[in-house]
Protein backbone atom coordinates (compact mmCIF):
# COMPACT_ATOMS: atom_id res chain seq x y z
CA MET A 1 -0.66 -15.49 3.82
CA ASP A 2 -1.29 -12.87 6.51
CA ASP A 3 -3.11 -15.39 8.70
CA LEU A 4 -0.28 -17.93 8.59
CA THR A 5 0.13 -19.90 11.80
CA ILE A 6 3.39 -21.76 12.30
CA ASP A 7 4.01 -24.06 15.28
CA ARG A 8 7.41 -24.51 16.94
CA ASP A 9 8.15 -27.75 15.11
CA ALA A 10 7.38 -26.15 11.76
CA MET A 11 9.57 -23.16 12.63
CA GLY A 12 12.48 -25.48 13.25
CA LYS A 13 11.92 -27.18 9.89
CA LEU A 14 11.50 -23.82 8.16
CA SER A 15 14.77 -22.60 9.65
CA LYS A 16 16.55 -25.59 8.11
CA ALA A 17 14.88 -24.99 4.75
CA LEU A 18 15.77 -21.29 4.83
CA ALA A 19 19.35 -22.11 5.77
CA PHE A 20 19.52 -23.92 2.45
CA ILE A 21 17.66 -21.21 0.50
CA CYS A 22 18.90 -17.98 2.10
CA GLY A 23 21.86 -19.08 4.21
CA ALA A 24 22.34 -20.01 7.85
CA ASP A 25 23.22 -16.44 8.85
CA HIS A 26 20.15 -14.83 7.22
CA PRO A 27 18.15 -12.90 9.87
CA THR A 28 14.95 -14.84 9.16
CA THR A 29 16.74 -18.18 9.45
CA VAL A 30 18.23 -17.16 12.79
CA ALA A 31 14.90 -15.79 14.06
CA LEU A 32 13.04 -18.99 13.14
CA LYS A 33 15.67 -21.14 14.81
CA THR A 34 15.56 -18.99 17.94
CA ALA A 35 11.75 -19.07 18.05
CA ALA A 36 11.70 -22.84 17.61
CA GLU A 37 14.13 -23.28 20.49
CA SER A 38 12.70 -20.71 22.92
CA GLY A 39 9.00 -20.81 22.12
CA SER A 40 8.58 -17.30 23.52
CA LYS A 41 5.77 -15.22 22.08
CA SER A 42 8.08 -12.33 21.22
CA ASP A 43 10.52 -14.61 19.36
CA ILE A 44 7.65 -16.26 17.49
CA ALA A 45 6.16 -12.88 16.53
CA LYS A 46 9.54 -11.63 15.29
CA ALA A 47 10.16 -14.81 13.27
CA ARG A 48 6.69 -14.69 11.75
CA LYS A 49 7.10 -11.04 10.76
CA LEU A 50 10.48 -11.72 9.15
CA PHE A 51 9.17 -14.82 7.36
CA LEU A 52 6.23 -12.90 5.91
CA GLY A 53 8.68 -10.20 4.81
CA LEU A 54 10.65 -12.62 2.63
CA LYS A 55 10.27 -12.59 -1.13
CA PRO A 56 7.23 -14.70 -2.05
CA SER A 57 9.45 -17.09 -4.02
CA ASP A 58 11.63 -17.74 -0.95
CA ARG A 59 8.57 -18.30 1.25
CA GLN A 60 7.05 -20.69 -1.27
CA ALA A 61 10.31 -22.60 -1.68
CA ALA A 62 10.66 -23.02 2.08
CA MET A 63 7.05 -24.16 2.46
CA ALA A 64 7.48 -26.58 -0.43
CA MET A 65 10.48 -28.14 1.31
CA LEU A 66 8.24 -28.88 4.31
CA THR A 67 5.86 -30.94 2.22
CA ASP A 68 8.59 -33.11 0.72
């Protein structure tokens, strides 16, 4: 999962999924939402790092919600 690439649209969807899984005020949820809105490289890098730092079960649950 280290080579995961997430586009802005997917980050917005992931932020909604993580709001359900982890809560709207979770740092990763906020970072993904910010990155989706701004599109800046630093915001995207921060969001990606935080997403990869989540528990594997939370990451998998969020990714599964994208495929539904």
